[in-house]
């Protein structure tokens, strides 16, 4: 039997895990510690999920938990390593945390705009992008597979990227960013 609360939490966390990770990485410059931060954050989020206000963005709520986990790690590290070089003042740290958090909405708007613009592309353009960016094939390999010249594919990809950039910039601007 499945638990709807558990499923809702997993969906929210999975959807925003990369955002929470990027937020934590902005504040703690040690990639080796990020997995621990994320693990502790997810446990804390699960424990408090009943208190989550669904009218607010989950990612912002979750990032506040990550903030406190990063703070805990900073305190532990400061005690262990007296020469901790990246020890910002609390004011600088808080400013950095708040600025990064304020960017979440804009970043999500940009990602959604790009997803929408990708859907608008002709099938062939989407397939070419998929071959280039989801596989490990080089342009030369793709050109050989398609019987095209690499130079032609480079120009085609450049045109597609320009169109995607223009489309997504217009969509983001329409959202007020």
C-alpha atoms as a PDB file:
ATOM      1  CA  UNK A   1       0.000   0.000   0.000  1.00  0.00           C
ATOM      2  CA  UNK A   2       1.447   3.379  -0.967  1.00  0.00           C
ATOM      3  CA  UNK A   3       1.504   6.446   1.241  1.00  0.00           C
ATOM      4  CA  UNK A   4       0.291   9.579  -0.655  1.00  0.00           C
ATOM      5  CA  UNK A   5       2.298  11.896   1.635  1.00  0.00           C
ATOM      6  CA  UNK A   6       5.460   9.920   0.945  1.00  0.00           C
ATOM      7  CA  UNK A   7       4.836   9.934  -2.808  1.00  0.00           C
ATOM      8  CA  UNK A   8       4.189  13.685  -2.807  1.00  0.00           C
ATOM      9  CA  UNK A   9       7.414  14.315  -0.895  1.00  0.00           C
ATOM     10  CA  UNK A  10       9.445  12.107  -3.227  1.00  0.00           C
ATOM     11  CA  UNK A  11       8.000  13.863  -6.282  1.00  0.00           C
ATOM     12  CA  UNK A  12       8.764  17.323  -4.888  1.00  0.00           C
ATOM     13  CA  UNK A  13      12.256  16.399  -3.765  1.00  0.00           C
ATOM     14  CA  UNK A  14      13.145  14.575  -6.977  1.00  0.00           C
ATOM     15  CA  UNK A  15      11.919  17.485  -9.083  1.00  0.00           C
ATOM     16  CA  UNK A  16      14.084  19.985  -7.200  1.00  0.00           C
ATOM     17  CA  UNK A  17      17.055  17.924  -6.041  1.00  0.00           C
ATOM     18  CA  UNK A  18      19.386  19.468  -8.629  1.00  0.00           C
ATOM     19  CA  UNK A  19      18.315  22.982  -7.609  1.00  0.00           C
ATOM     20  CA  UNK A  20      18.902  22.219  -3.941  1.00  0.00           C
ATOM     21  CA  UNK A  21      22.309  20.736  -4.817  1.00  0.00           C
ATOM     22  CA  UNK A  22      23.291  23.840  -6.809  1.00  0.00           C
ATOM     23  CA  UNK A  23      22.141  26.076  -3.969  1.00  0.00           C
ATOM     24  CA  UNK A  24      24.248  24.144  -1.451  1.00  0.00           C
ATOM     25  CA  UNK A  25      27.240  24.213  -3.802  1.00  0.00           C
ATOM     26  CA  UNK A  26      26.949  27.993  -3.990  1.00  0.00           C
ATOM     27  CA  UNK A  27      27.377  28.160  -0.224  1.00  0.00           C
ATOM     28  CA  UNK A  28      29.798  25.343   0.496  1.00  0.00           C
ATOM     29  CA  UNK A  29      32.729  25.135  -1.850  1.00  0.00           C
ATOM     30  CA  UNK A  30      33.510  21.514  -1.144  1.00  0.00           C
ATOM     31  CA  UNK A  31      31.888  19.150  -3.671  1.00  0.00           C
ATOM     32  CA  UNK A  32      32.838  16.212  -1.469  1.00  0.00           C
ATOM     33  CA  UNK A  33      30.501  17.418   1.255  1.00  0.00           C
ATOM     34  CA  UNK A  34      27.500  18.185  -0.924  1.00  0.00           C
ATOM     35  CA  UNK A  35      26.119  14.641  -0.903  1.00  0.00           C
ATOM     36  CA  UNK A  36      26.139  14.672   2.905  1.00  0.00           C
ATOM     37  CA  UNK A  37      24.419  18.049   2.931  1.00  0.00           C
ATOM     38  CA  UNK A  38      21.766  16.783   0.526  1.00  0.00           C
ATOM     39  CA  UNK A  39      21.197  13.644   2.556  1.00  0.00           C
ATOM     40  CA  UNK A  40      20.783  15.556   5.822  1.00  0.00           C
ATOM     41  CA  UNK A  41      18.574  18.102   4.080  1.00  0.00           C
ATOM     42  CA  UNK A  42      16.284  15.412   2.684  1.00  0.00           C
ATOM     43  CA  UNK A  43      15.911  13.819   6.122  1.00  0.00           C
ATOM     44  CA  UNK A  44      15.051  17.158   7.703  1.00  0.00           C
ATOM     45  CA  UNK A  45      12.605  17.956   4.894  1.00  0.00           C
ATOM     46  CA  UNK A  46      10.846  14.615   5.316  1.00  0.00           C
ATOM     47  CA  UNK A  47      10.531  15.133   9.078  1.00  0.00           C
ATOM     48  CA  UNK A  48       8.974  18.574   8.557  1.00  0.00           C
ATOM     49  CA  UNK A  49       7.003  17.865   5.381  1.00  0.00           C
ATOM     50  CA  UNK A  50       3.706  18.176   7.305  1.00  0.00           C
ATOM     51  CA  UNK A  51       4.610  21.842   7.864  1.00  0.00           C
ATOM     52  CA  UNK A  52       5.257  22.613   4.196  1.00  0.00           C
ATOM     53  CA  UNK A  53       2.912  25.331   2.890  1.00  0.00           C
ATOM     54  CA  UNK A  54       1.929  24.073  -0.562  1.00  0.00           C
ATOM     55  CA  UNK A  55       1.102  27.603  -1.689  1.00  0.00           C
ATOM     56  CA  UNK A  56       4.839  28.378  -1.569  1.00  0.00           C
ATOM     57  CA  UNK A  57       7.553  27.022  -3.899  1.00  0.00           C
ATOM     58  CA  UNK A  58       8.961  23.754  -2.540  1.00  0.00           C
ATOM     59  CA  UNK A  59      12.452  24.569  -3.782  1.00  0.00           C
ATOM     60  CA  UNK A  60      12.681  27.752  -1.692  1.00  0.00           C
ATOM     61  CA  UNK A  61      11.429  25.923   1.394  1.00  0.00           C
ATOM     62  CA  UNK A  62      13.910  23.104   0.803  1.00  0.00           C
ATOM     63  CA  UNK A  63      16.809  25.495   0.224  1.00  0.00           C
ATOM     64  CA  UNK A  64      16.248  27.018   3.651  1.00  0.00           C
ATOM     65  CA  UNK A  65      16.829  23.560   5.129  1.00  0.00           C
ATOM     66  CA  UNK A  66      19.956  23.181   3.004  1.00  0.00           C
ATOM     67  CA  UNK A  67      21.110  26.569   4.310  1.00  0.00           C
ATOM     68  CA  UNK A  68      20.991  25.312   7.888  1.00  0.00           C
ATOM     69  CA  UNK A  69      22.777  22.089   6.975  1.00  0.00           C
ATOM     70  CA  UNK A  70      25.527  24.098   5.281  1.00  0.00           C
ATOM     71  CA  UNK A  71      25.745  26.302   8.384  1.00  0.00           C
ATOM     72  CA  UNK A  72      26.223  23.191  10.522  1.00  0.00           C
ATOM     73  CA  UNK A  73      28.985  21.935   8.226  1.00  0.00           C
ATOM     74  CA  UNK A  74      30.707  25.321   8.275  1.00  0.00           C
ATOM     75  CA  UNK A  75      30.705  25.328  12.070  1.00  0.00           C
ATOM     76  CA  UNK A  76      32.107  21.789  12.210  1.00  0.00           C
ATOM     77  CA  UNK A  77      34.767  22.603   9.640  1.00  0.00           C
ATOM     78  CA  UNK A  78      35.756  25.835  11.346  1.00  0.00           C
ATOM     79  CA  UNK A  79      36.364  23.906  14.560  1.00  0.00           C
ATOM     80  CA  UNK A  80      38.394  21.169  12.797  1.00  0.00           C
ATOM     81  CA  UNK A  81      40.313  23.414  10.403  1.00  0.00           C
ATOM     82  CA  UNK A  82      41.543  26.675  11.908  1.00  0.00           C
ATOM     83  CA  UNK A  83      42.895  27.661   8.470  1.00  0.00           C
ATOM     84  CA  UNK A  84      39.529  27.264   6.747  1.00  0.00           C
ATOM     85  CA  UNK A  85      40.263  29.740   3.936  1.00  0.00           C
ATOM     86  CA  UNK A  86      36.738  30.176   2.644  1.00  0.00           C
ATOM     87  CA  UNK A  87      35.321  31.350   5.892  1.00  0.00           C
ATOM     88  CA  UNK A  88      33.189  34.321   4.875  1.00  0.00           C
ATOM     89  CA  UNK A  89      31.707  36.614   7.440  1.00  0.00           C
ATOM     90  CA  UNK A  90      28.164  35.681   8.404  1.00  0.00           C
ATOM     91  CA  UNK A  91      26.858  38.782   6.614  1.00  0.00           C
ATOM     92  CA  UNK A  92      28.612  37.844   3.371  1.00  0.00           C
ATOM     93  CA  UNK A  93      27.451  34.257   3.675  1.00  0.00           C
ATOM     94  CA  UNK A  94      23.826  35.324   4.274  1.00  0.00           C
ATOM     95  CA  UNK A  95      23.947  37.769   1.370  1.00  0.00           C
ATOM     96  CA  UNK A  96      25.233  35.025  -0.927  1.00  0.00           C
ATOM     97  CA  UNK A  97      22.555  32.597   0.315  1.00  0.00           C
ATOM     98  CA  UNK A  98      19.729  35.103  -0.151  1.00  0.00           C
ATOM     99  CA  UNK A  99      20.914  36.143  -3.616  1.00  0.00           C
ATOM    100  CA  UNK A 100      21.117  32.544  -4.796  1.00  0.00           C
ATOM    101  CA  UNK A 101      17.679  31.774  -3.379  1.00  0.00           C
ATOM    102  CA  UNK A 102      16.172  34.798  -5.108  1.00  0.00           C
ATOM    103  CA  UNK A 103      17.434  33.454  -8.441  1.00  0.00           C
ATOM    104  CA  UNK A 104      15.472  30.169  -8.179  1.00  0.00           C
ATOM    105  CA  UNK A 105      12.284  31.566  -9.685  1.00  0.00           C
ATOM    106  CA  UNK A 106      14.124  33.161 -12.594  1.00  0.00           C
ATOM    107  CA  UNK A 107      16.128  30.003 -13.253  1.00  0.00           C
ATOM    108  CA  UNK A 108      13.004  27.846 -13.227  1.00  0.00           C
ATOM    109  CA  UNK A 109      11.313  30.288 -15.626  1.00  0.00           C
ATOM    110  CA  UNK A 110      14.326  30.027 -17.942  1.00  0.00           C
ATOM    111  CA  UNK A 111      14.314  26.222 -17.800  1.00  0.00           C
ATOM    112  CA  UNK A 112      10.578  26.074 -18.506  1.00  0.00           C
ATOM    113  CA  UNK A 113      10.943  28.514 -21.396  1.00  0.00           C
ATOM    114  CA  UNK A 114      13.694  26.357 -22.890  1.00  0.00           C
ATOM    115  CA  UNK A 115      11.557  23.201 -22.503  1.00  0.00           C
ATOM    116  CA  UNK A 116       8.630  24.955 -24.216  1.00  0.00           C
ATOM    117  CA  UNK A 117      10.857  26.224 -27.030  1.00  0.00           C
ATOM    118  CA  UNK A 118      12.322  22.753 -27.557  1.00  0.00           C
ATOM    119  CA  UNK A 119       8.800  21.401 -28.039  1.00  0.00           C
ATOM    120  CA  UNK A 120       8.215  23.976 -30.771  1.00  0.00           C
ATOM    121  CA  UNK A 121      11.226  22.853 -32.807  1.00  0.00           C
ATOM    122  CA  UNK A 122      10.717  20.716 -35.895  1.00  0.00           C
ATOM    123  CA  UNK A 123      11.186  16.993 -35.210  1.00  0.00           C
ATOM    124  CA  UNK A 124      14.450  16.826 -37.169  1.00  0.00           C
ATOM    125  CA  UNK A 125      15.986  19.650 -35.166  1.00  0.00           C
ATOM    126  CA  UNK A 126      14.996  17.985 -31.878  1.00  0.00           C
ATOM    127  CA  UNK A 127      16.486  14.707 -33.086  1.00  0.00           C
ATOM    128  CA  UNK A 128      19.755  16.391 -34.047  1.00  0.00           C
ATOM    129  CA  UNK A 129      19.968  18.075 -30.638  1.00  0.00           C
ATOM    130  CA  UNK A 130      19.290  14.734 -28.997  1.00  0.00           C
ATOM    131  CA  UNK A 131      22.028  13.040 -30.979  1.00  0.00           C
ATOM    132  CA  UNK A 132      24.482  15.771 -30.095  1.00  0.00           C
ATOM    133  CA  UNK A 133      23.675  16.450 -26.443  1.00  0.00           C
ATOM    134  CA  UNK A 134      22.236  13.248 -24.999  1.00  0.00           C
ATOM    135  CA  UNK A 135      24.625  10.825 -26.652  1.00  0.00           C
ATOM    136  CA  UNK A 136      28.375  10.869 -26.496  1.00  0.00           C
ATOM    137  CA  UNK A 137      28.705  10.984 -30.269  1.00  0.00           C
ATOM    138  CA  UNK A 138      30.885  13.665 -31.800  1.00  0.00           C
ATOM    139  CA  UNK A 139      29.737  15.868 -34.664  1.00  0.00           C
ATOM    140  CA  UNK A 140      31.971  13.861 -36.997  1.00  0.00           C
ATOM    141  CA  UNK A 141      30.313  10.602 -35.917  1.00  0.00           C
ATOM    142  CA  UNK A 142      26.830  12.055 -36.290  1.00  0.00           C
ATOM    143  CA  UNK A 143      27.710  13.443 -39.711  1.00  0.00           C
ATOM    144  CA  UNK A 144      28.959  10.040 -40.799  1.00  0.00           C
ATOM    145  CA  UNK A 145      25.812   8.311 -39.496  1.00  0.00           C
ATOM    146  CA  UNK A 146      23.573  10.817 -41.287  1.00  0.00           C
ATOM    147  CA  UNK A 147      25.636  10.993 -44.456  1.00  0.00           C
ATOM    148  CA  UNK A 148      26.129  14.737 -43.937  1.00  0.00           C
ATOM    149  CA  UNK A 149      29.187  16.943 -43.793  1.00  0.00           C
ATOM    150  CA  UNK A 150      30.286  17.937 -40.299  1.00  0.00           C
ATOM    151  CA  UNK A 151      30.489  21.581 -41.375  1.00  0.00           C
ATOM    152  CA  UNK A 152      26.801  21.477 -42.365  1.00  0.00           C
ATOM    153  CA  UNK A 153      25.817  20.011 -38.975  1.00  0.00           C
ATOM    154  CA  UNK A 154      27.808  22.668 -37.121  1.00  0.00           C
ATOM    155  CA  UNK A 155      25.913  25.384 -39.016  1.00  0.00           C
ATOM    156  CA  UNK A 156      22.592  23.628 -38.422  1.00  0.00           C
ATOM    157  CA  UNK A 157      23.256  23.287 -34.680  1.00  0.00           C
ATOM    158  CA  UNK A 158      24.301  26.929 -34.471  1.00  0.00           C
ATOM    159  CA  UNK A 159      21.032  27.972 -36.155  1.00  0.00           C
ATOM    160  CA  UNK A 160      19.007  25.787 -33.767  1.00  0.00           C
ATOM    161  CA  UNK A 161      20.820  27.189 -30.709  1.00  0.00           C
ATOM    162  CA  UNK A 162      20.250  30.775 -31.896  1.00  0.00           C
ATOM    163  CA  UNK A 163      16.539  30.067 -32.414  1.00  0.00           C
ATOM    164  CA  UNK A 164      16.241  28.432 -28.999  1.00  0.00           C
ATOM    165  CA  UNK A 165      18.033  31.351 -27.342  1.00  0.00           C
ATOM    166  CA  UNK A 166      15.785  33.893 -29.052  1.00  0.00           C
ATOM    167  CA  UNK A 167      12.617  31.941 -28.235  1.00  0.00           C
ATOM    168  CA  UNK A 168      13.520  31.378 -24.586  1.00  0.00           C
ATOM    169  CA  UNK A 169      14.686  34.984 -24.069  1.00  0.00           C
ATOM    170  CA  UNK A 170      11.370  36.243 -25.398  1.00  0.00           C
ATOM    171  CA  UNK A 171       9.444  33.882 -23.123  1.00  0.00           C
ATOM    172  CA  UNK A 172      11.468  34.902 -20.047  1.00  0.00           C
ATOM    173  CA  UNK A 173      11.019  38.573 -20.890  1.00  0.00           C
ATOM    174  CA  UNK A 174       7.252  38.009 -21.203  1.00  0.00           C
ATOM    175  CA  UNK A 175       7.334  36.608 -17.643  1.00  0.00           C
ATOM    176  CA  UNK A 176       8.863  39.858 -16.415  1.00  0.00           C
ATOM    177  CA  UNK A 177      12.486  38.833 -15.947  1.00  0.00           C
END
